[in-house]
Each structure stands twice: as C-alpha cells, then as structure tokens.
C-alpha cells in the first residue's frame, strides 16, 4: 500500500512541532531560581559566595535576563549582581 504524500507531509510537520515544543519546554525548565539556593547566604547577608554557589551562578547565567525581568526578584537584583561579580560572571545586557 502506498502512503499519500499529503499524509507523509502532515505527519512530518506534526513530529517537527512536537520536537520544537519539547525543546522549548526543556529550555525554559532550566531557568529555575530555586536552583540558586546554594547562594542564599550570599544573597541575604552579603557573605562571600561559595564555590558551589559560583558553579550554579555560572550554569544559570543564560537565565539572568529572565530573572531581571521578574518583579518578584527585584529586591535581590542588586545583591545578585554582587554575587555574580564575586564569582567572575558577567551580567549580560538584556533587551
């Protein structure tokens, strides 16, 4: 039995859309502010960030713009910049 080209095309588009949706979900799932919990002391008291904190800050650097736009995180932005600087991580310029 021969498969119609329209059916093959429709199935291909459906699979492509599912893959794009899955990739987007994975990308957004990596930006989770709770992953910065090893930095709690540095954020709250201004203490020197631990090496574990700095590792997390480096891994979350692609999320900084998202965090900067979150009004719930506004009270922590100034200290967050200090923590990032102490870890040698630069804050990107966000659009």
PDB file of N, CA and C in Angstrom:
ATOM      1  N   UNK A   1       0.853  -1.165   0.000  1.00  0.00           N
ATOM      2  CA  UNK A   1       0.000   0.000   0.000  1.00  0.00           C
ATOM      3  C   UNK A   1       0.902   1.232   0.000  1.00  0.00           C
ATOM      4  N   UNK A   2       0.560   2.196  -0.815  1.00  0.00           N
ATOM      5  CA  UNK A   2       1.353   3.409  -0.965  1.00  0.00           C
ATOM      6  C   UNK A   2       0.785   4.513  -0.071  1.00  0.00           C
ATOM      7  N   UNK A   3       1.670   5.179   0.674  1.00  0.00           N
ATOM      8  CA  UNK A   3       1.246   6.268   1.553  1.00  0.00           C
ATOM      9  C   UNK A   3       1.166   7.542   0.729  1.00  0.00           C
ATOM     10  N   UNK A   4       0.095   8.272   0.910  1.00  0.00           N
ATOM     11  CA  UNK A   4      -0.095   9.511   0.160  1.00  0.00           C
ATOM     12  C   UNK A   4       0.905  10.565   0.628  1.00  0.00           C
ATOM     13  N   UNK A   5       1.457  11.351  -0.307  1.00  0.00           N
ATOM     14  CA  UNK A   5       2.424  12.396   0.064  1.00  0.00           C
ATOM     15  C   UNK A   5       1.856  13.402   1.067  1.00  0.00           C
ATOM     16  N   UNK A   6       0.588  13.714   0.980  1.00  0.00           N
ATOM     17  CA  UNK A   6      -0.014  14.673   1.913  1.00  0.00           C
ATOM     18  C   UNK A   6       0.018  14.128   3.339  1.00  0.00           C
ATOM     19  N   UNK A   7      -0.197  12.843   3.496  1.00  0.00           N
ATOM     20  CA  UNK A   7      -0.163  12.224   4.823  1.00  0.00           C
ATOM     21  C   UNK A   7       1.260  12.245   5.393  1.00  0.00           C
ATOM     22  N   UNK A   8       2.240  11.964   4.549  1.00  0.00           N
ATOM     23  CA  UNK A   8       3.639  11.991   4.982  1.00  0.00           C
ATOM     24  C   UNK A   8       4.016  13.405   5.411  1.00  0.00           C
ATOM     25  N   UNK A   9       3.605  14.389   4.627  1.00  0.00           N
ATOM     26  CA  UNK A   9       3.907  15.784   4.950  1.00  0.00           C
ATOM     27  C   UNK A   9       3.262  16.177   6.276  1.00  0.00           C
ATOM     28  N   UNK A  10       2.006  15.845   6.450  1.00  0.00           N
ATOM     29  CA  UNK A  10       1.290  16.183   7.675  1.00  0.00           C
ATOM     30  C   UNK A  10       1.930  15.517   8.894  1.00  0.00           C
ATOM     31  N   UNK A  11       2.306  14.269   8.763  1.00  0.00           N
ATOM     32  CA  UNK A  11       2.968  13.573   9.871  1.00  0.00           C
ATOM     33  C   UNK A  11       4.320  14.205  10.187  1.00  0.00           C
ATOM     34  N   UNK A  12       5.057  14.594   9.154  1.00  0.00           N
ATOM     35  CA  UNK A  12       6.364  15.230   9.358  1.00  0.00           C
ATOM     36  C   UNK A  12       6.224  16.555  10.090  1.00  0.00           C
ATOM     37  N   UNK A  13       5.247  17.357   9.696  1.00  0.00           N
ATOM     38  CA  UNK A  13       5.020  18.648  10.343  1.00  0.00           C
ATOM     39  C   UNK A  13       4.613  18.439  11.802  1.00  0.00           C
ATOM     40  N   UNK A  14       3.776  17.468  12.054  1.00  0.00           N
ATOM     41  CA  UNK A  14       3.337  17.180  13.417  1.00  0.00           C
ATOM     42  C   UNK A  14       4.519  16.781  14.303  1.00  0.00           C
ATOM     43  N   UNK A  15       5.370  15.919  13.801  1.00  0.00           N
ATOM     44  CA  UNK A  15       6.551  15.499  14.566  1.00  0.00           C
ATOM     45  C   UNK A  15       7.468  16.691  14.821  1.00  0.00           C
ATOM     46  N   UNK A  16       7.661  17.532  13.815  1.00  0.00           N
ATOM     47  CA  UNK A  16       8.507  18.714  13.967  1.00  0.00           C
ATOM     48  C   UNK A  16       7.960  19.645  15.046  1.00  0.00           C
ATOM     49  N   UNK A  17       6.656  19.884  15.030  1.00  0.00           N
ATOM     50  CA  UNK A  17       6.047  20.748  16.042  1.00  0.00           C
ATOM     51  C   UNK A  17       6.187  20.158  17.445  1.00  0.00           C
ATOM     52  N   UNK A  18       6.045  18.867  17.563  1.00  0.00           N
ATOM     53  CA  UNK A  18       6.215  18.220  18.865  1.00  0.00           C
ATOM     54  C   UNK A  18       7.652  18.351  19.366  1.00  0.00           C
ATOM     55  N   UNK A  19       8.614  18.197  18.466  1.00  0.00           N
ATOM     56  CA  UNK A  19      10.020  18.337  18.860  1.00  0.00           C
ATOM     57  C   UNK A  19      10.343  19.757  19.292  1.00  0.00           C
ATOM     58  N   UNK A  20       9.853  20.745  18.548  1.00  0.00           N
ATOM     59  CA  UNK A  20      10.096  22.144  18.910  1.00  0.00           C
ATOM     60  C   UNK A  20       9.467  22.452  20.262  1.00  0.00           C
ATOM     61  N   UNK A  21       8.272  21.971  20.493  1.00  0.00           N
ATOM     62  CA  UNK A  21       7.612  22.178  21.784  1.00  0.00           C
ATOM     63  C   UNK A  21       8.378  21.532  22.921  1.00  0.00           C
ATOM     64  N   UNK A  22       8.899  20.351  22.699  1.00  0.00           N
ATOM     65  CA  UNK A  22       9.674  19.664  23.736  1.00  0.00           C
ATOM     66  C   UNK A  22      10.970  20.403  24.029  1.00  0.00           C
ATOM     67  N   UNK A  23      11.639  20.897  22.993  1.00  0.00           N
ATOM     68  CA  UNK A  23      12.881  21.643  23.199  1.00  0.00           C
ATOM     69  C   UNK A  23      12.626  22.936  23.957  1.00  0.00           C
ATOM     70  N   UNK A  24      11.542  23.617  23.643  1.00  0.00           N
ATOM     71  CA  UNK A  24      11.199  24.853  24.339  1.00  0.00           C
ATOM     72  C   UNK A  24      10.913  24.570  25.809  1.00  0.00           C
ATOM     73  N   UNK A  25      10.217  23.497  26.086  1.00  0.00           N
ATOM     74  CA  UNK A  25       9.908  23.143  27.471  1.00  0.00           C
ATOM     75  C   UNK A  25      11.180  22.823  28.245  1.00  0.00           C
ATOM     76  N   UNK A  26      12.112  22.131  27.619  1.00  0.00           N
ATOM     77  CA  UNK A  26      13.372  21.804  28.286  1.00  0.00           C
ATOM     78  C   UNK A  26      14.165  23.068  28.554  1.00  0.00           C
ATOM     79  N   UNK A  27      14.203  23.972  27.571  1.00  0.00           N
ATOM     80  CA  UNK A  27      14.958  25.213  27.734  1.00  0.00           C
ATOM     81  C   UNK A  27      14.396  26.050  28.874  1.00  0.00           C
ATOM     82  N   UNK A  28      13.088  26.207  28.935  1.00  0.00           N
ATOM     83  CA  UNK A  28      12.506  27.031  29.985  1.00  0.00           C
ATOM     84  C   UNK A  28      12.599  26.352  31.351  1.00  0.00           C
ATOM     85  N   UNK A  29      12.649  25.031  31.366  1.00  0.00           N
ATOM     86  CA  UNK A  29      12.733  24.319  32.638  1.00  0.00           C
ATOM     87  C   UNK A  29      14.089  24.509  33.302  1.00  0.00           C
ATOM     88  N   UNK A  30      15.125  24.855  32.532  1.00  0.00           N
ATOM     89  CA  UNK A  30      16.450  25.009  33.122  1.00  0.00           C
ATOM     90  C   UNK A  30      16.574  26.304  33.911  1.00  0.00           C
ATOM     91  N   UNK A  31      15.725  27.292  33.650  1.00  0.00           N
ATOM     92  CA  UNK A  31      15.769  28.564  34.378  1.00  0.00           C
ATOM     93  C   UNK A  31      14.845  28.473  35.584  1.00  0.00           C
ATOM     94  N   UNK A  32      15.395  28.044  36.680  1.00  0.00           N
ATOM     95  CA  UNK A  32      14.621  27.879  37.902  1.00  0.00           C
ATOM     96  C   UNK A  32      15.386  28.554  39.029  1.00  0.00           C
ATOM     97  N   UNK A  33      14.849  29.649  39.521  1.00  0.00           N
ATOM     98  CA  UNK A  33      15.548  30.443  40.530  1.00  0.00           C
ATOM     99  C   UNK A  33      15.844  29.637  41.794  1.00  0.00           C
ATOM    100  N   UNK A  34      15.075  28.610  42.058  1.00  0.00           N
ATOM    101  CA  UNK A  34      15.338  27.798  43.253  1.00  0.00           C
ATOM    102  C   UNK A  34      16.660  27.039  43.143  1.00  0.00           C
ATOM    103  N   UNK A  35      17.188  26.904  41.933  1.00  0.00           N
ATOM    104  CA  UNK A  35      18.494  26.262  41.767  1.00  0.00           C
ATOM    105  C   UNK A  35      19.615  27.120  42.345  1.00  0.00           C
ATOM    106  N   UNK A  36      19.314  28.396  42.609  1.00  0.00           N
ATOM    107  CA  UNK A  36      20.301  29.291  43.206  1.00  0.00           C
ATOM    108  C   UNK A  36      20.337  29.179  44.732  1.00  0.00           C
ATOM    109  N   UNK A  37      19.680  28.186  45.287  1.00  0.00           N
ATOM    110  CA  UNK A  37      19.628  28.043  46.749  1.00  0.00           C
ATOM    111  C   UNK A  37      21.003  27.938  47.414  1.00  0.00           C
ATOM    112  N   UNK A  38      22.034  27.377  46.769  1.00  0.00           N
ATOM    113  CA  UNK A  38      23.350  27.390  47.420  1.00  0.00           C
ATOM    114  C   UNK A  38      23.899  28.803  47.640  1.00  0.00           C
ATOM    115  N   UNK A  39      23.269  29.792  47.012  1.00  0.00           N
ATOM    116  CA  UNK A  39      23.712  31.184  47.140  1.00  0.00           C
ATOM    117  C   UNK A  39      22.899  31.964  48.168  1.00  0.00           C
ATOM    118  N   UNK A  40      22.024  31.299  48.897  1.00  0.00           N
ATOM    119  CA  UNK A  40      21.123  32.001  49.817  1.00  0.00           C
ATOM    120  C   UNK A  40      21.877  32.882  50.803  1.00  0.00           C
ATOM    121  N   UNK A  41      22.946  32.373  51.377  1.00  0.00           N
ATOM    122  CA  UNK A  41      23.723  33.168  52.330  1.00  0.00           C
ATOM    123  C   UNK A  41      24.334  34.399  51.691  1.00  0.00           C
ATOM    124  N   UNK A  42      24.868  34.237  50.501  1.00  0.00           N
ATOM    125  CA  UNK A  42      25.482  35.365  49.800  1.00  0.00           C
ATOM    126  C   UNK A  42      24.434  36.408  49.424  1.00  0.00           C
ATOM    127  N   UNK A  43      23.250  35.954  49.039  1.00  0.00           N
ATOM    128  CA  UNK A  43      22.190  36.894  48.669  1.00  0.00           C
ATOM    129  C   UNK A  43      21.642  37.629  49.890  1.00  0.00           C
ATOM    130  N   UNK A  44      21.495  36.930  50.997  1.00  0.00           N
ATOM    131  CA  UNK A  44      20.851  37.556  52.155  1.00  0.00           C
ATOM    132  C   UNK A  44      21.803  38.372  53.016  1.00  0.00           C
ATOM    133  N   UNK A  45      23.015  37.877  53.224  1.00  0.00           N
ATOM    134  CA  UNK A  45      23.912  38.577  54.148  1.00  0.00           C
ATOM    135  C   UNK A  45      25.085  39.269  53.470  1.00  0.00           C
ATOM    136  N   UNK A  46      25.252  39.014  52.197  1.00  0.00           N
ATOM    137  CA  UNK A  46      26.384  39.620  51.501  1.00  0.00           C
ATOM    138  C   UNK A  46      27.689  38.891  51.742  1.00  0.00           C
ATOM    139  N   UNK A  47      27.614  37.690  52.316  1.00  0.00           N
ATOM    140  CA  UNK A  47      28.836  36.919  52.551  1.00  0.00           C
ATOM    141  C   UNK A  47      29.431  36.466  51.220  1.00  0.00           C
ATOM    142  N   UNK A  48      30.686  36.070  51.261  1.00  0.00           N
ATOM    143  CA  UNK A  48      31.365  35.616  50.054  1.00  0.00           C
ATOM    144  C   UNK A  48      30.674  34.357  49.537  1.00  0.00           C
ATOM    145  N   UNK A  49      30.370  34.303  48.222  1.00  0.00           N
ATOM    146  CA  UNK A  49      29.706  33.116  47.684  1.00  0.00           C
ATOM    147  C   UNK A  49      30.636  31.900  47.701  1.00  0.00           C
ATOM    148  N   UNK A  50      30.058  30.753  47.964  1.00  0.00           N
ATOM    149  CA  UNK A  50      30.824  29.504  47.982  1.00  0.00           C
ATOM    150  C   UNK A  50      31.141  29.070  46.553  1.00  0.00           C
ATOM    151  N   UNK A  51      32.036  28.111  46.423  1.00  0.00           N
ATOM    152  CA  UNK A  51      32.360  27.593  45.087  1.00  0.00           C
ATOM    153  C   UNK A  51      31.142  26.910  44.474  1.00  0.00           C
ATOM    154  N   UNK A  52      30.322  26.273  45.307  1.00  0.00           N
ATOM    155  CA  UNK A  52      29.091  25.649  44.807  1.00  0.00           C
ATOM    156  C   UNK A  52      28.134  26.716  44.290  1.00  0.00           C
ATOM    157  N   UNK A  53      28.023  27.823  45.014  1.00  0.00           N
ATOM    158  CA  UNK A  53      27.179  28.935  44.579  1.00  0.00           C
ATOM    159  C   UNK A  53      27.667  29.460  43.230  1.00  0.00           C
ATOM    160  N   UNK A  54      28.968  29.670  43.112  1.00  0.00           N
ATOM    161  CA  UNK A  54      29.515  30.208  41.862  1.00  0.00           C
ATOM    162  C   UNK A  54      29.285  29.254  40.695  1.00  0.00           C
ATOM    163  N   UNK A  55      29.375  27.954  40.951  1.00  0.00           N
ATOM    164  CA  UNK A  55      29.108  26.979  39.892  1.00  0.00           C
ATOM    165  C   UNK A  55      27.664  27.090  39.413  1.00  0.00           C
ATOM    166  N   UNK A  56      26.747  27.272  40.355  1.00  0.00           N
ATOM    167  CA  UNK A  56      25.336  27.414  39.995  1.00  0.00           C
ATOM    168  C   UNK A  56      25.109  28.729  39.248  1.00  0.00           C
ATOM    169  N   UNK A  57      25.740  29.799  39.702  1.00  0.00           N
ATOM    170  CA  UNK A  57      25.599  31.097  39.031  1.00  0.00           C
ATOM    171  C   UNK A  57      26.089  30.983  37.590  1.00  0.00           C
ATOM    172  N   UNK A  58      27.213  30.302  37.384  1.00  0.00           N
ATOM    173  CA  UNK A  58      27.721  30.112  36.017  1.00  0.00           C
ATOM    174  C   UNK A  58      26.732  29.313  35.174  1.00  0.00           C
ATOM    175  N   UNK A  59      26.176  28.264  35.748  1.00  0.00           N
ATOM    176  CA  UNK A  59      25.253  27.421  34.982  1.00  0.00           C
ATOM    177  C   UNK A  59      23.932  28.132  34.699  1.00  0.00           C
ATOM    178  N   UNK A  60      23.579  29.114  35.511  1.00  0.00           N
ATOM    179  CA  UNK A  60      22.323  29.847  35.342  1.00  0.00           C
ATOM    180  C   UNK A  60      22.512  31.170  34.597  1.00  0.00           C
ATOM    181  N   UNK A  61      23.712  31.457  34.114  1.00  0.00           N
ATOM    182  CA  UNK A  61      23.974  32.769  33.508  1.00  0.00           C
ATOM    183  C   UNK A  61      23.078  33.058  32.307  1.00  0.00           C
ATOM    184  N   UNK A  62      22.649  32.037  31.587  1.00  0.00           N
ATOM    185  CA  UNK A  62      21.753  32.271  30.452  1.00  0.00           C
ATOM    186  C   UNK A  62      20.347  32.665  30.911  1.00  0.00           C
ATOM    187  N   UNK A  63      20.071  32.541  32.199  1.00  0.00           N
ATOM    188  CA  UNK A  63      18.754  32.865  32.755  1.00  0.00           C
ATOM    189  C   UNK A  63      18.696  34.264  33.356  1.00  0.00           C
ATOM    190  N   UNK A  64      19.833  34.962  33.426  1.00  0.00           N
ATOM    191  CA  UNK A  64      19.877  36.241  34.122  1.00  0.00           C
ATOM    192  C   UNK A  64      18.836  37.226  33.609  1.00  0.00           C
ATOM    193  N   UNK A  65      18.692  37.346  32.301  1.00  0.00           N
ATOM    194  CA  UNK A  65      17.728  38.317  31.762  1.00  0.00           C
ATOM    195  C   UNK A  65      16.305  37.974  32.195  1.00  0.00           C
ATOM    196  N   UNK A  66      15.983  36.697  32.201  1.00  0.00           N
ATOM    197  CA  UNK A  66      14.657  36.273  32.663  1.00  0.00           C
ATOM    198  C   UNK A  66      14.469  36.651  34.129  1.00  0.00           C
ATOM    199  N   UNK A  67      15.489  36.448  34.943  1.00  0.00           N
ATOM    200  CA  UNK A  67      15.399  36.790  36.356  1.00  0.00           C
ATOM    201  C   UNK A  67      15.296  38.304  36.555  1.00  0.00           C
ATOM    202  N   UNK A  68      16.027  39.066  35.750  1.00  0.00           N
ATOM    203  CA  UNK A  68      15.989  40.525  35.875  1.00  0.00           C
ATOM    204  C   UNK A  68      14.607  41.093  35.555  1.00  0.00           C
ATOM    205  N   UNK A  69      13.867  40.413  34.690  1.00  0.00           N
ATOM    206  CA  UNK A  69      12.529  40.885  34.310  1.00  0.00           C
ATOM    207  C   UNK A  69      11.443  40.460  35.296  1.00  0.00           C
ATOM    208  N   UNK A  70      11.772  39.601  36.219  1.00  0.00           N
ATOM    209  CA  UNK A  70      10.783  39.095  37.174  1.00  0.00           C
ATOM    210  C   UNK A  70      10.635  40.081  38.337  1.00  0.00           C
ATOM    211  N   UNK A  71       9.469  40.744  38.465  1.00  0.00           N
ATOM    212  CA  UNK A  71       9.295  41.730  39.534  1.00  0.00           C
ATOM    213  C   UNK A  71       9.404  41.126  40.939  1.00  0.00           C
ATOM    214  N   UNK A  72       9.149  39.847  41.080  1.00  0.00           N
ATOM    215  CA  UNK A  72       9.272  39.200  42.390  1.00  0.00           C
ATOM    216  C   UNK A  72      10.723  39.102  42.855  1.00  0.00           C
ATOM    217  N   UNK A  73      11.645  39.174  41.917  1.00  0.00           N
ATOM    218  CA  UNK A  73      13.060  39.055  42.261  1.00  0.00           C
ATOM    219  C   UNK A  73      13.743  40.408  42.396  1.00  0.00           C
ATOM    220  N   UNK A  74      13.006  41.486  42.165  1.00  0.00           N
ATOM    221  CA  UNK A  74      13.584  42.839  42.198  1.00  0.00           C
ATOM    222  C   UNK A  74      14.368  43.137  43.479  1.00  0.00           C
ATOM    223  N   UNK A  75      13.904  42.723  44.659  1.00  0.00           N
ATOM    224  CA  UNK A  75      14.671  43.031  45.874  1.00  0.00           C
ATOM    225  C   UNK A  75      16.055  42.365  45.923  1.00  0.00           C
ATOM    226  N   UNK A  76      16.268  41.353  45.101  1.00  0.00           N
ATOM    227  CA  UNK A  76      17.516  40.590  45.148  1.00  0.00           C
ATOM    228  C   UNK A  76      18.485  40.925  44.013  1.00  0.00           C
ATOM    229  N   UNK A  77      18.068  41.798  43.102  1.00  0.00           N
ATOM    230  CA  UNK A  77      18.871  42.067  41.907  1.00  0.00           C
ATOM    231  C   UNK A  77      20.221  42.685  42.261  1.00  0.00           C
ATOM    232  N   UNK A  78      20.228  43.685  43.123  1.00  0.00           N
ATOM    233  CA  UNK A  78      21.482  44.352  43.471  1.00  0.00           C
ATOM    234  C   UNK A  78      22.481  43.365  44.076  1.00  0.00           C
ATOM    235  N   UNK A  79      22.025  42.589  45.033  1.00  0.00           N
ATOM    236  CA  UNK A  79      22.904  41.600  45.668  1.00  0.00           C
ATOM    237  C   UNK A  79      23.276  40.507  44.666  1.00  0.00           C
ATOM    238  N   UNK A  80      22.350  40.180  43.782  1.00  0.00           N
ATOM    239  CA  UNK A  80      22.637  39.175  42.752  1.00  0.00           C
ATOM    240  C   UNK A  80      23.762  39.607  41.831  1.00  0.00           C
ATOM    241  N   UNK A  81      23.770  40.889  41.486  1.00  0.00           N
ATOM    242  CA  UNK A  81      24.866  41.424  40.665  1.00  0.00           C
ATOM    243  C   UNK A  81      26.191  41.310  41.413  1.00  0.00           C
ATOM    244  N   UNK A  82      26.173  41.577  42.710  1.00  0.00           N
ATOM    245  CA  UNK A  82      27.393  41.475  43.520  1.00  0.00           C
ATOM    246  C   UNK A  82      27.888  40.027  43.586  1.00  0.00           C
ATOM    247  N   UNK A  83      26.957  39.105  43.760  1.00  0.00           N
ATOM    248  CA  UNK A  83      27.324  37.690  43.822  1.00  0.00           C
ATOM    249  C   UNK A  83      27.932  37.253  42.490  1.00  0.00           C
ATOM    250  N   UNK A  84      27.279  37.635  41.391  1.00  0.00           N
ATOM    251  CA  UNK A  84      27.800  37.271  40.069  1.00  0.00           C
ATOM    252  C   UNK A  84      29.199  37.845  39.864  1.00  0.00           C
ATOM    253  N   UNK A  85      29.394  39.103  40.243  1.00  0.00           N
ATOM    254  CA  UNK A  85      30.714  39.731  40.098  1.00  0.00           C
ATOM    255  C   UNK A  85      31.754  39.004  40.949  1.00  0.00           C
ATOM    256  N   UNK A  86      31.394  38.634  42.169  1.00  0.00           N
ATOM    257  CA  UNK A  86      32.318  37.895  43.039  1.00  0.00           C
ATOM    258  C   UNK A  86      32.699  36.547  42.441  1.00  0.00           C
ATOM    259  N   UNK A  87      31.780  35.983  41.677  1.00  0.00           N
ATOM    260  CA  UNK A  87      32.029  34.688  41.033  1.00  0.00           C
ATOM    261  C   UNK A  87      32.722  34.844  39.680  1.00  0.00           C
ATOM    262  N   UNK A  88      32.945  36.091  39.260  1.00  0.00           N
ATOM    263  CA  UNK A  88      33.583  36.323  37.968  1.00  0.00           C
ATOM    264  C   UNK A  88      32.661  36.090  36.787  1.00  0.00           C
ATOM    265  N   UNK A  89      31.363  36.211  37.024  1.00  0.00           N
ATOM    266  CA  UNK A  89      30.363  36.006  35.975  1.00  0.00           C
ATOM    267  C   UNK A  89      29.784  37.360  35.611  1.00  0.00           C
ATOM    268  N   UNK A  90      29.804  37.686  34.323  1.00  0.00           N
ATOM    269  CA  UNK A  90      29.268  38.978  33.906  1.00  0.00           C
ATOM    270  C   UNK A  90      27.775  38.872  33.623  1.00  0.00           C
ATOM    271  N   UNK A  91      27.075  39.944  33.915  1.00  0.00           N
ATOM    272  CA  UNK A  91      25.636  40.030  33.654  1.00  0.00           C
ATOM    273  C   UNK A  91      25.471  40.494  32.208  1.00  0.00           C
ATOM    274  N   UNK A  92      24.709  39.761  31.401  1.00  0.00           N
ATOM    275  CA  UNK A  92      24.518  40.187  30.016  1.00  0.00           C
ATOM    276  C   UNK A  92      23.644  41.433  29.947  1.00  0.00           C
ATOM    277  N   UNK A  93      23.770  42.174  28.854  1.00  0.00           N
ATOM    278  CA  UNK A  93      22.848  43.301  28.680  1.00  0.00           C
ATOM    279  C   UNK A  93      21.572  42.728  28.075  1.00  0.00           C
ATOM    280  N   UNK A  94      20.470  42.974  28.737  1.00  0.00           N
ATOM    281  CA  UNK A  94      19.190  42.381  28.352  1.00  0.00           C
ATOM    282  C   UNK A  94      18.391  43.376  27.528  1.00  0.00           C
ATOM    283  N   UNK A  95      17.643  42.844  26.585  1.00  0.00           N
ATOM    284  CA  UNK A  95      16.810  43.698  25.731  1.00  0.00           C
ATOM    285  C   UNK A  95      15.396  43.691  26.201  1.00  0.00           C
TER     286      UNK A  95
END
